[in-house]
Amino acid sequence: MTSTTTQQTGVSTAVRAAEPGARFRDLLAAEWIKLWSLRSISWAFGVSALVIIAINISAAVADYNNWPTYNEGIRALFVPIWAMRDAFTIGACMVLILATGSIGALTVVGEYSTGQIRTTFAAVPARRSVVAAKMAVVTAVMLVYGTVVAGTSFGVTQAILSGRDIGLSLGYPGALRAVAASALLAPVCALVGMGLGALIRHTAATLVTFTGILLLLPFLLNDRHRWSSAILHALPRSAWERLVQMGDPFGSAPYPATISGSWIVYAAWPLAAAVVAVVAVRRHDL
């Protein structure tokens, strides 16, 4: 009996040794399937995109209709400042942050809540590779999503405003930067959501934490003090506001954000989120 068991164990070990390890492209394919296997994901992308674009179009239509009533001061500032604000409104930005961050968090937390993460790590013990594949898929999808939403918002709103000769073209100085910043905000927030999801592993707690940091904290800070402005400018939403800003109609702030610093914020948050996710899945027991 012992000899038979030993032989079976040896055969099993040999078979496992002979089996090739999972290739990274296989992990990408698996994560792609898991992402779209949930019907709610497709609905979340579609509904949030329509809401964001609708908010921006509503702002452009309102300015188009109210243009004859605007005084000379508003008209002097409208191009390019207010025209760009119609393309990417604060309300639309907040919806995009919440939607993409929630989707990113659910791609991780959902597997923990259903127990699927155990199956995944049993099949692929290389946890870092699994996390890297998941983040790569979410980043690619969110980049496409952000590009479609930002490009559509800019194109449609400026077409509406062009009826009053107050629209912007993509070649206008700063316009391409604003579109790129709005498109990249989607993968940035999604990766932050994934990092928090891997760390907290609870849906409600993750979404509350994400909302508090990325949406509510900017309202509690101001740029009148150095310490406060430093924290404020280090947040993704504040970085986005600086990157889409066209001019400074209200005068310079005591401690203004910079374009280069805002791009660094865009790079630092996803990188930090990736490190947190990798460390969390490696150290936490399932």
C-alpha atoms as a PDB file:
ATOM      1  CA  MET A   1       0.000   0.000   0.000  1.00  0.00           C
ATOM      2  CA  THR A   2       2.815   2.345   0.911  1.00  0.00           C
ATOM      3  CA  SER A   3       4.752   1.435  -2.231  1.00  0.00           C
ATOM      4  CA  THR A   4       1.705   2.077  -4.421  1.00  0.00           C
ATOM      5  CA  THR A   5       1.066   5.442  -2.791  1.00  0.00           C
ATOM      6  CA  THR A   6       4.693   6.404  -3.239  1.00  0.00           C
ATOM      7  CA  GLN A   7       4.564   5.460  -6.910  1.00  0.00           C
ATOM      8  CA  GLN A   8       1.376   7.467  -7.448  1.00  0.00           C
ATOM      9  CA  THR A   9       2.893  10.464  -5.729  1.00  0.00           C
ATOM     10  CA  GLY A  10       5.994  10.185  -7.855  1.00  0.00           C
ATOM     11  CA  VAL A  11       3.942   9.970 -11.038  1.00  0.00           C
ATOM     12  CA  SER A  12       1.839  12.981 -10.036  1.00  0.00           C
ATOM     13  CA  THR A  13       4.969  14.973  -9.283  1.00  0.00           C
ATOM     14  CA  ALA A  14       6.479  14.002 -12.619  1.00  0.00           C
ATOM     15  CA  VAL A  15       3.318  14.989 -14.476  1.00  0.00           C
ATOM     16  CA  ARG A  16       3.211  18.354 -12.761  1.00  0.00           C
ATOM     17  CA  ALA A  17       6.872  18.899 -13.549  1.00  0.00           C
ATOM     18  CA  ALA A  18       6.258  18.021 -17.188  1.00  0.00           C
ATOM     19  CA  GLU A  19       3.335  20.429 -17.503  1.00  0.00           C
ATOM     20  CA  PRO A  20       4.367  23.814 -18.901  1.00  0.00           C
ATOM     21  CA  GLY A  21       3.779  26.837 -16.683  1.00  0.00           C
ATOM     22  CA  ALA A  22       1.059  29.261 -17.554  1.00  0.00           C
ATOM     23  CA  ARG A  23       2.241  31.756 -20.129  1.00  0.00           C
ATOM     24  CA  PHE A  24       1.539  35.414 -19.513  1.00  0.00           C
ATOM     25  CA  ARG A  25      -0.621  35.683 -22.621  1.00  0.00           C
ATOM     26  CA  ASP A  26      -2.729  32.821 -21.248  1.00  0.00           C
ATOM     27  CA  LEU A  27      -3.178  34.783 -18.041  1.00  0.00           C
ATOM     28  CA  LEU A  28      -4.196  37.829 -20.067  1.00  0.00           C
ATOM     29  CA  ALA A  29      -6.777  35.771 -21.930  1.00  0.00           C
ATOM     30  CA  ALA A  30      -8.131  34.347 -18.673  1.00  0.00           C
ATOM     31  CA  GLU A  31      -8.420  37.785 -17.081  1.00  0.00           C
ATOM     32  CA  TRP A  32     -10.123  39.138 -20.199  1.00  0.00           C
ATOM     33  CA  ILE A  33     -12.731  36.373 -19.999  1.00  0.00           C
ATOM     34  CA  LYS A  34     -13.279  36.920 -16.278  1.00  0.00           C
ATOM     35  CA  LEU A  35     -13.704  40.667 -16.768  1.00  0.00           C
ATOM     36  CA  TRP A  36     -16.453  40.312 -19.347  1.00  0.00           C
ATOM     37  CA  SER A  37     -18.095  37.292 -17.776  1.00  0.00           C
ATOM     38  CA  LEU A  38     -20.028  39.605 -15.465  1.00  0.00           C
ATOM     39  CA  ARG A  39     -22.958  41.229 -17.234  1.00  0.00           C
ATOM     40  CA  SER A  40     -22.858  44.113 -14.767  1.00  0.00           C
ATOM     41  CA  ILE A  41     -19.443  45.173 -16.109  1.00  0.00           C
ATOM     42  CA  SER A  42     -20.814  45.835 -19.586  1.00  0.00           C
ATOM     43  CA  TRP A  43     -23.732  47.758 -18.122  1.00  0.00           C
ATOM     44  CA  ALA A  44     -21.410  49.770 -15.907  1.00  0.00           C
ATOM     45  CA  PHE A  45     -19.257  50.790 -18.858  1.00  0.00           C
ATOM     46  CA  GLY A  46     -22.201  51.642 -21.078  1.00  0.00           C
ATOM     47  CA  VAL A  47     -24.330  53.524 -18.560  1.00  0.00           C
ATOM     48  CA  SER A  48     -21.454  55.498 -17.061  1.00  0.00           C
ATOM     49  CA  ALA A  49     -20.206  56.514 -20.522  1.00  0.00           C
ATOM     50  CA  LEU A  50     -23.642  57.766 -21.511  1.00  0.00           C
ATOM     51  CA  VAL A  51     -24.058  59.684 -18.237  1.00  0.00           C
ATOM     52  CA  ILE A  52     -20.639  61.349 -18.546  1.00  0.00           C
ATOM     53  CA  ILE A  53     -21.167  62.378 -22.153  1.00  0.00           C
ATOM     54  CA  ALA A  54     -24.715  63.562 -21.386  1.00  0.00           C
ATOM     55  CA  ILE A  55     -23.506  65.805 -18.547  1.00  0.00           C
ATOM     56  CA  ASN A  56     -20.951  67.464 -20.802  1.00  0.00           C
ATOM     57  CA  ILE A  57     -23.380  67.870 -23.684  1.00  0.00           C
ATOM     58  CA  SER A  58     -25.913  69.429 -21.311  1.00  0.00           C
ATOM     59  CA  ALA A  59     -23.353  72.052 -20.277  1.00  0.00           C
ATOM     60  CA  ALA A  60     -22.525  72.857 -23.892  1.00  0.00           C
ATOM     61  CA  VAL A  61     -26.195  73.144 -24.880  1.00  0.00           C
ATOM     62  CA  ALA A  62     -26.863  75.456 -21.925  1.00  0.00           C
ATOM     63  CA  ASP A  63     -24.037  77.782 -22.952  1.00  0.00           C
ATOM     64  CA  TYR A  64     -25.152  77.681 -26.582  1.00  0.00           C
ATOM     65  CA  ASN A  65     -28.658  78.734 -25.604  1.00  0.00           C
ATOM     66  CA  ASN A  66     -27.533  81.354 -23.080  1.00  0.00           C
ATOM     67  CA  TRP A  67     -24.796  82.868 -25.210  1.00  0.00           C
ATOM     68  CA  PRO A  68     -26.861  85.919 -26.328  1.00  0.00           C
ATOM     69  CA  THR A  69     -27.413  86.873 -22.676  1.00  0.00           C
ATOM     70  CA  TYR A  70     -23.753  86.689 -21.609  1.00  0.00           C
ATOM     71  CA  ASN A  71     -21.949  89.946 -20.887  1.00  0.00           C
ATOM     72  CA  GLU A  72     -18.630  90.955 -22.408  1.00  0.00           C
ATOM     73  CA  GLY A  73     -16.655  89.659 -19.438  1.00  0.00           C
ATOM     74  CA  ILE A  74     -17.949  86.128 -19.842  1.00  0.00           C
ATOM     75  CA  ARG A  75     -17.588  86.238 -23.617  1.00  0.00           C
ATOM     76  CA  ALA A  76     -13.958  87.358 -23.322  1.00  0.00           C
ATOM     77  CA  LEU A  77     -13.145  84.353 -21.146  1.00  0.00           C
ATOM     78  CA  PHE A  78     -15.301  81.790 -22.898  1.00  0.00           C
ATOM     79  CA  VAL A  79     -12.695  80.778 -25.462  1.00  0.00           C
ATOM     80  CA  PRO A  80     -10.817  78.749 -24.446  1.00  0.00           C
ATOM     81  CA  ILE A  81     -11.585  78.553 -20.708  1.00  0.00           C
ATOM     82  CA  TRP A  82     -15.328  77.951 -20.588  1.00  0.00           C
ATOM     83  CA  ALA A  83     -15.393  76.034 -23.863  1.00  0.00           C
ATOM     84  CA  MET A  84     -13.013  73.461 -22.384  1.00  0.00           C
ATOM     85  CA  ARG A  85     -15.024  73.327 -19.164  1.00  0.00           C
ATOM     86  CA  ASP A  86     -18.065  72.346 -21.206  1.00  0.00           C
ATOM     87  CA  ALA A  87     -16.088  69.513 -22.780  1.00  0.00           C
ATOM     88  CA  PHE A  88     -14.983  68.135 -19.408  1.00  0.00           C
ATOM     89  CA  THR A  89     -17.170  69.281 -16.533  1.00  0.00           C
ATOM     90  CA  ILE A  90     -16.460  68.647 -12.846  1.00  0.00           C
ATOM     91  CA  GLY A  91     -19.667  66.620 -12.550  1.00  0.00           C
ATOM     92  CA  ALA A  92     -18.674  64.346 -15.414  1.00  0.00           C
ATOM     93  CA  CYS A  93     -15.208  63.957 -13.912  1.00  0.00           C
ATOM     94  CA  MET A  94     -16.647  62.805 -10.585  1.00  0.00           C
ATOM     95  CA  VAL A  95     -18.887  60.258 -12.310  1.00  0.00           C
ATOM     96  CA  LEU A  96     -15.911  58.935 -14.278  1.00  0.00           C
ATOM     97  CA  ILE A  97     -13.772  58.627 -11.137  1.00  0.00           C
ATOM     98  CA  LEU A  98     -16.483  56.805  -9.219  1.00  0.00           C
ATOM     99  CA  ALA A  99     -17.418  54.487 -12.104  1.00  0.00           C
ATOM    100  CA  THR A 100     -13.900  53.470 -13.113  1.00  0.00           C
ATOM    101  CA  GLY A 101     -12.673  53.140  -9.538  1.00  0.00           C
ATOM    102  CA  SER A 102     -15.644  50.948  -8.646  1.00  0.00           C
ATOM    103  CA  ILE A 103     -15.129  48.704 -11.660  1.00  0.00           C
ATOM    104  CA  GLY A 104     -11.439  48.377 -10.876  1.00  0.00           C
ATOM    105  CA  ALA A 105     -12.150  47.492  -7.254  1.00  0.00           C
ATOM    106  CA  LEU A 106     -14.803  44.920  -8.164  1.00  0.00           C
ATOM    107  CA  THR A 107     -12.448  43.058 -10.498  1.00  0.00           C
ATOM    108  CA  VAL A 108     -10.410  42.172  -7.406  1.00  0.00           C
ATOM    109  CA  VAL A 109     -12.938  42.166  -4.564  1.00  0.00           C
ATOM    110  CA  GLY A 110     -15.419  40.142  -6.616  1.00  0.00           C
ATOM    111  CA  GLU A 111     -12.996  37.219  -6.810  1.00  0.00           C
ATOM    112  CA  TYR A 112     -12.384  37.295  -3.072  1.00  0.00           C
ATOM    113  CA  SER A 113     -16.093  37.433  -2.248  1.00  0.00           C
ATOM    114  CA  THR A 114     -16.937  34.460  -4.482  1.00  0.00           C
ATOM    115  CA  GLY A 115     -13.859  32.454  -3.551  1.00  0.00           C
ATOM    116  CA  GLN A 116     -12.736  32.315  -7.178  1.00  0.00           C
ATOM    117  CA  ILE A 117      -9.392  33.778  -6.172  1.00  0.00           C
ATOM    118  CA  ARG A 118      -8.510  30.473  -4.464  1.00  0.00           C
ATOM    119  CA  THR A 119      -9.086  28.590  -7.693  1.00  0.00           C
ATOM    120  CA  THR A 120      -7.050  31.122  -9.625  1.00  0.00           C
ATOM    121  CA  PHE A 121      -4.047  30.936  -7.319  1.00  0.00           C
ATOM    122  CA  ALA A 122      -4.312  27.154  -7.112  1.00  0.00           C
ATOM    123  CA  ALA A 123      -4.043  26.963 -10.895  1.00  0.00           C
ATOM    124  CA  VAL A 124      -1.389  29.695 -11.090  1.00  0.00           C
ATOM    125  CA  PRO A 125       0.670  29.916  -7.891  1.00  0.00           C
ATOM    126  CA  ALA A 126       2.624  32.886  -9.326  1.00  0.00           C
ATOM    127  CA  ARG A 127       0.441  35.528  -7.711  1.00  0.00           C
ATOM    128  CA  ARG A 128       2.436  38.459  -9.038  1.00  0.00           C
ATOM    129  CA  SER A 129       1.851  37.270 -12.603  1.00  0.00           C
ATOM    130  CA  VAL A 130      -1.884  36.982 -11.986  1.00  0.00           C
ATOM    131  CA  VAL A 131      -2.070  40.492 -10.539  1.00  0.00           C
ATOM    132  CA  ALA A 132       0.056  41.874 -13.392  1.00  0.00           C
ATOM    133  CA  ALA A 133      -2.209  40.251 -15.984  1.00  0.00           C
ATOM    134  CA  LYS A 134      -5.340  41.532 -14.272  1.00  0.00           C
ATOM    135  CA  MET A 135      -3.969  45.068 -14.112  1.00  0.00           C
ATOM    136  CA  ALA A 136      -2.793  44.942 -17.724  1.00  0.00           C
ATOM    137  CA  VAL A 137      -6.259  43.924 -18.946  1.00  0.00           C
ATOM    138  CA  VAL A 138      -8.056  46.528 -16.839  1.00  0.00           C
ATOM    139  CA  THR A 139      -5.592  49.223 -17.940  1.00  0.00           C
ATOM    140  CA  ALA A 140      -6.081  48.430 -21.620  1.00  0.00           C
ATOM    141  CA  VAL A 141      -9.875  48.331 -21.357  1.00  0.00           C
ATOM    142  CA  MET A 142     -10.005  51.526 -19.323  1.00  0.00           C
ATOM    143  CA  LEU A 143      -7.699  53.298 -21.747  1.00  0.00           C
ATOM    144  CA  VAL A 144     -10.067  52.503 -24.603  1.00  0.00           C
ATOM    145  CA  TYR A 145     -13.050  53.482 -22.461  1.00  0.00           C
ATOM    146  CA  GLY A 146     -11.467  56.766 -21.400  1.00  0.00           C
ATOM    147  CA  THR A 147     -10.405  57.613 -24.941  1.00  0.00           C
ATOM    148  CA  VAL A 148     -13.899  57.007 -26.316  1.00  0.00           C
ATOM    149  CA  VAL A 149     -15.597  59.011 -23.566  1.00  0.00           C
ATOM    150  CA  ALA A 150     -13.126  61.909 -23.618  1.00  0.00           C
ATOM    151  CA  GLY A 151     -12.931  62.052 -27.407  1.00  0.00           C
ATOM    152  CA  THR A 152     -16.704  61.931 -27.821  1.00  0.00           C
ATOM    153  CA  SER A 153     -17.276  64.556 -25.134  1.00  0.00           C
ATOM    154  CA  PHE A 154     -14.775  66.937 -26.684  1.00  0.00           C
ATOM    155  CA  GLY A 155     -15.943  66.409 -30.249  1.00  0.00           C
ATOM    156  CA  VAL A 156     -19.674  66.716 -29.587  1.00  0.00           C
ATOM    157  CA  THR A 157     -19.505  69.655 -27.171  1.00  0.00           C
ATOM    158  CA  GLN A 158     -17.203  71.684 -29.397  1.00  0.00           C
ATOM    159  CA  ALA A 159     -19.383  70.929 -32.417  1.00  0.00           C
ATOM    160  CA  ILE A 160     -22.348  72.351 -30.490  1.00  0.00           C
ATOM    161  CA  LEU A 161     -20.416  75.457 -29.445  1.00  0.00           C
ATOM    162  CA  SER A 162     -19.128  75.954 -32.977  1.00  0.00           C
ATOM    163  CA  GLY A 163     -22.661  76.958 -33.882  1.00  0.00           C
ATOM    164  CA  ARG A 164     -21.855  80.194 -32.018  1.00  0.00           C
ATOM    165  CA  ASP A 165     -18.239  80.279 -33.280  1.00  0.00           C
ATOM    166  CA  ILE A 166     -16.966  79.585 -29.770  1.00  0.00           C
ATOM    167  CA  GLY A 167     -15.810  75.996 -30.146  1.00  0.00           C
ATOM    168  CA  LEU A 168     -12.266  74.648 -29.924  1.00  0.00           C
ATOM    169  CA  SER A 169     -10.366  72.383 -32.282  1.00  0.00           C
ATOM    170  CA  LEU A 170      -8.083  69.597 -31.125  1.00  0.00           C
ATOM    171  CA  GLY A 171      -5.169  71.627 -32.458  1.00  0.00           C
ATOM    172  CA  TYR A 172      -5.841  74.527 -30.097  1.00  0.00           C
ATOM    173  CA  PRO A 173      -2.963  74.920 -27.596  1.00  0.00           C
ATOM    174  CA  GLY A 174      -3.699  72.760 -24.583  1.00  0.00           C
ATOM    175  CA  ALA A 175      -6.709  70.965 -26.077  1.00  0.00           C
ATOM    176  CA  LEU A 176      -4.923  67.688 -26.813  1.00  0.00           C
ATOM    177  CA  ARG A 177      -3.437  67.701 -23.305  1.00  0.00           C
ATOM    178  CA  ALA A 178      -6.907  68.103 -21.804  1.00  0.00           C
ATOM    179  CA  VAL A 179      -8.340  65.245 -23.865  1.00  0.00           C
ATOM    180  CA  ALA A 180      -5.400  62.987 -22.978  1.00  0.00           C
ATOM    181  CA  ALA A 181      -5.692  63.829 -19.274  1.00  0.00           C
ATOM    182  CA  SER A 182      -9.406  63.036 -19.280  1.00  0.00           C
ATOM    183  CA  ALA A 183      -8.847  59.760 -21.117  1.00  0.00           C
ATOM    184  CA  LEU A 184      -6.005  58.666 -18.816  1.00  0.00           C
ATOM    185  CA  LEU A 185      -8.017  59.467 -15.698  1.00  0.00           C
ATOM    186  CA  ALA A 186     -10.020  56.276 -16.313  1.00  0.00           C
ATOM    187  CA  PRO A 187      -7.134  53.766 -16.032  1.00  0.00           C
ATOM    188  CA  VAL A 188      -5.547  55.779 -13.212  1.00  0.00           C
ATOM    189  CA  CYS A 189      -8.670  55.550 -11.047  1.00  0.00           C
ATOM    190  CA  ALA A 190      -9.363  51.939 -12.004  1.00  0.00           C
ATOM    191  CA  LEU A 191      -5.886  50.870 -10.883  1.00  0.00           C
ATOM    192  CA  VAL A 192      -6.256  52.791  -7.628  1.00  0.00           C
ATOM    193  CA  GLY A 193      -9.525  50.939  -7.051  1.00  0.00           C
ATOM    194  CA  MET A 194      -7.799  47.621  -7.736  1.00  0.00           C
ATOM    195  CA  GLY A 195      -5.029  48.428  -5.276  1.00  0.00           C
ATOM    196  CA  LEU A 196      -7.495  49.311  -2.537  1.00  0.00           C
ATOM    197  CA  GLY A 197      -9.576  46.234  -3.355  1.00  0.00           C
ATOM    198  CA  ALA A 198      -6.579  43.932  -3.002  1.00  0.00           C
ATOM    199  CA  LEU A 199      -5.665  45.570   0.295  1.00  0.00           C
ATOM    200  CA  ILE A 200      -9.128  45.777   1.916  1.00  0.00           C
ATOM    201  CA  ARG A 201     -10.888  42.833   0.181  1.00  0.00           C
ATOM    202  CA  HIS A 202     -14.365  44.032   1.172  1.00  0.00           C
ATOM    203  CA  THR A 203     -16.669  45.682  -1.363  1.00  0.00           C
ATOM    204  CA  ALA A 204     -18.359  48.311   0.792  1.00  0.00           C
ATOM    205  CA  ALA A 205     -15.222  49.256   2.715  1.00  0.00           C
ATOM    206  CA  THR A 206     -13.200  49.513  -0.497  1.00  0.00           C
ATOM    207  CA  LEU A 207     -15.726  51.770  -2.237  1.00  0.00           C
ATOM    208  CA  VAL A 208     -16.107  53.987   0.824  1.00  0.00           C
ATOM    209  CA  THR A 209     -12.331  54.349   1.147  1.00  0.00           C
ATOM    210  CA  PHE A 210     -11.942  55.047  -2.563  1.00  0.00           C
ATOM    211  CA  THR A 211     -14.708  57.653  -2.534  1.00  0.00           C
ATOM    212  CA  GLY A 212     -13.306  59.332   0.558  1.00  0.00           C
ATOM    213  CA  ILE A 213      -9.789  59.650  -0.814  1.00  0.00           C
ATOM    214  CA  LEU A 214     -10.418  60.502  -4.452  1.00  0.00           C
ATOM    215  CA  LEU A 215     -13.724  62.384  -4.312  1.00  0.00           C
ATOM    216  CA  LEU A 216     -14.314  63.817  -0.842  1.00  0.00           C
ATOM    217  CA  LEU A 217     -10.802  64.680   0.350  1.00  0.00           C
ATOM    218  CA  PRO A 218     -10.265  67.396  -2.323  1.00  0.00           C
ATOM    219  CA  PHE A 219     -13.260  69.296  -0.896  1.00  0.00           C
ATOM    220  CA  LEU A 220     -11.602  69.391   2.539  1.00  0.00           C
ATOM    221  CA  LEU A 221      -8.364  70.936   1.267  1.00  0.00           C
ATOM    222  CA  ASN A 222      -7.405  74.254  -0.291  1.00  0.00           C
ATOM    223  CA  ASP A 223      -4.359  75.812  -1.916  1.00  0.00           C
ATOM    224  CA  ARG A 224      -3.993  78.752   0.496  1.00  0.00           C
ATOM    225  CA  HIS A 225      -1.462  76.918   2.679  1.00  0.00           C
ATOM    226  CA  ARG A 226       1.638  75.074   1.570  1.00  0.00           C
ATOM    227  CA  TRP A 227       0.907  71.800   3.393  1.00  0.00           C
ATOM    228  CA  SER A 228      -2.708  71.762   2.267  1.00  0.00           C
ATOM    229  CA  SER A 229      -1.896  72.580  -1.336  1.00  0.00           C
ATOM    230  CA  ALA A 230       0.799  69.889  -1.406  1.00  0.00           C
ATOM    231  CA  ILE A 231      -1.740  67.213  -0.441  1.00  0.00           C
ATOM    232  CA  LEU A 232      -4.391  68.671  -2.732  1.00  0.00           C
ATOM    233  CA  HIS A 233      -2.127  68.746  -5.792  1.00  0.00           C
ATOM    234  CA  ALA A 234      -1.052  65.151  -5.115  1.00  0.00           C
ATOM    235  CA  LEU A 235      -4.610  63.856  -5.648  1.00  0.00           C
ATOM    236  CA  PRO A 236      -5.723  62.570  -9.082  1.00  0.00           C
ATOM    237  CA  ARG A 237      -8.773  64.821  -9.329  1.00  0.00           C
ATOM    238  CA  SER A 238      -6.748  67.950  -8.632  1.00  0.00           C
ATOM    239  CA  ALA A 239      -4.115  66.837 -11.143  1.00  0.00           C
ATOM    240  CA  TRP A 240      -6.858  66.367 -13.732  1.00  0.00           C
ATOM    241  CA  GLU A 241      -8.248  69.847 -13.030  1.00  0.00           C
ATOM    242  CA  ARG A 242      -4.835  71.383 -13.661  1.00  0.00           C
ATOM    243  CA  LEU A 243      -4.236  69.429 -16.850  1.00  0.00           C
ATOM    244  CA  VAL A 244      -7.567  70.443 -18.392  1.00  0.00           C
ATOM    245  CA  GLN A 245      -7.306  74.037 -17.204  1.00  0.00           C
ATOM    246  CA  MET A 246      -7.006  76.568 -20.000  1.00  0.00           C
ATOM    247  CA  GLY A 247      -5.614  79.787 -18.545  1.00  0.00           C
ATOM    248  CA  ASP A 248      -6.193  81.173 -15.052  1.00  0.00           C
ATOM    249  CA  PRO A 249      -9.198  83.533 -15.060  1.00  0.00           C
ATOM    250  CA  PHE A 250      -9.246  84.080 -11.293  1.00  0.00           C
ATOM    251  CA  GLY A 251      -5.597  84.941 -10.750  1.00  0.00           C
ATOM    252  CA  SER A 252      -2.712  82.800  -9.607  1.00  0.00           C
ATOM    253  CA  ALA A 253      -3.074  80.736  -6.443  1.00  0.00           C
ATOM    254  CA  PRO A 254      -0.419  81.107  -3.722  1.00  0.00           C
ATOM    255  CA  TYR A 255       0.829  77.565  -4.373  1.00  0.00           C
ATOM    256  CA  PRO A 256      -0.337  76.569  -7.861  1.00  0.00           C
ATOM    257  CA  ALA A 257      -0.039  73.091  -9.313  1.00  0.00           C
ATOM    258  CA  THR A 258       2.208  72.568 -12.315  1.00  0.00           C
ATOM    259  CA  ILE A 259       1.650  70.665 -15.524  1.00  0.00           C
ATOM    260  CA  SER A 260       4.689  68.447 -15.003  1.00  0.00           C
ATOM    261  CA  GLY A 261       3.763  67.792 -11.381  1.00  0.00           C
ATOM    262  CA  SER A 262       0.249  66.789 -12.395  1.00  0.00           C
ATOM    263  CA  TRP A 263       1.578  64.273 -14.915  1.00  0.00           C
ATOM    264  CA  ILE A 264       3.801  62.839 -12.174  1.00  0.00           C
ATOM    265  CA  VAL A 265       0.708  62.390  -9.996  1.00  0.00           C
ATOM    266  CA  TYR A 266      -0.935  60.507 -12.862  1.00  0.00           C
ATOM    267  CA  ALA A 267       2.047  58.144 -12.982  1.00  0.00           C
ATOM    268  CA  ALA A 268       2.628  57.783  -9.245  1.00  0.00           C
ATOM    269  CA  TRP A 269      -0.863  56.653  -8.197  1.00  0.00           C
ATOM    270  CA  PRO A 270      -1.124  53.631 -10.549  1.00  0.00           C
ATOM    271  CA  LEU A 271       2.439  52.614  -9.708  1.00  0.00           C
ATOM    272  CA  ALA A 272       1.720  52.784  -5.989  1.00  0.00           C
ATOM    273  CA  ALA A 273      -1.548  50.884  -6.491  1.00  0.00           C
ATOM    274  CA  ALA A 274       0.273  48.118  -8.385  1.00  0.00           C
ATOM    275  CA  VAL A 275       2.843  47.743  -5.612  1.00  0.00           C
ATOM    276  CA  VAL A 276       0.111  47.630  -2.966  1.00  0.00           C
ATOM    277  CA  ALA A 277      -1.849  45.000  -4.914  1.00  0.00           C
ATOM    278  CA  VAL A 278       1.180  42.754  -5.422  1.00  0.00           C
ATOM    279  CA  VAL A 279       2.257  42.978  -1.784  1.00  0.00           C
ATOM    280  CA  ALA A 280      -1.302  42.444  -0.519  1.00  0.00           C
ATOM    281  CA  VAL A 281      -1.994  39.273  -2.513  1.00  0.00           C
ATOM    282  CA  ARG A 282       1.377  37.800  -1.599  1.00  0.00           C
ATOM    283  CA  ARG A 283       1.074  38.382   2.155  1.00  0.00           C
ATOM    284  CA  HIS A 284      -2.632  37.895   2.800  1.00  0.00           C
ATOM    285  CA  ASP A 285      -3.870  34.414   3.428  1.00  0.00           C
ATOM    286  CA  LEU A 286      -6.830  33.261   1.401  1.00  0.00           C
END
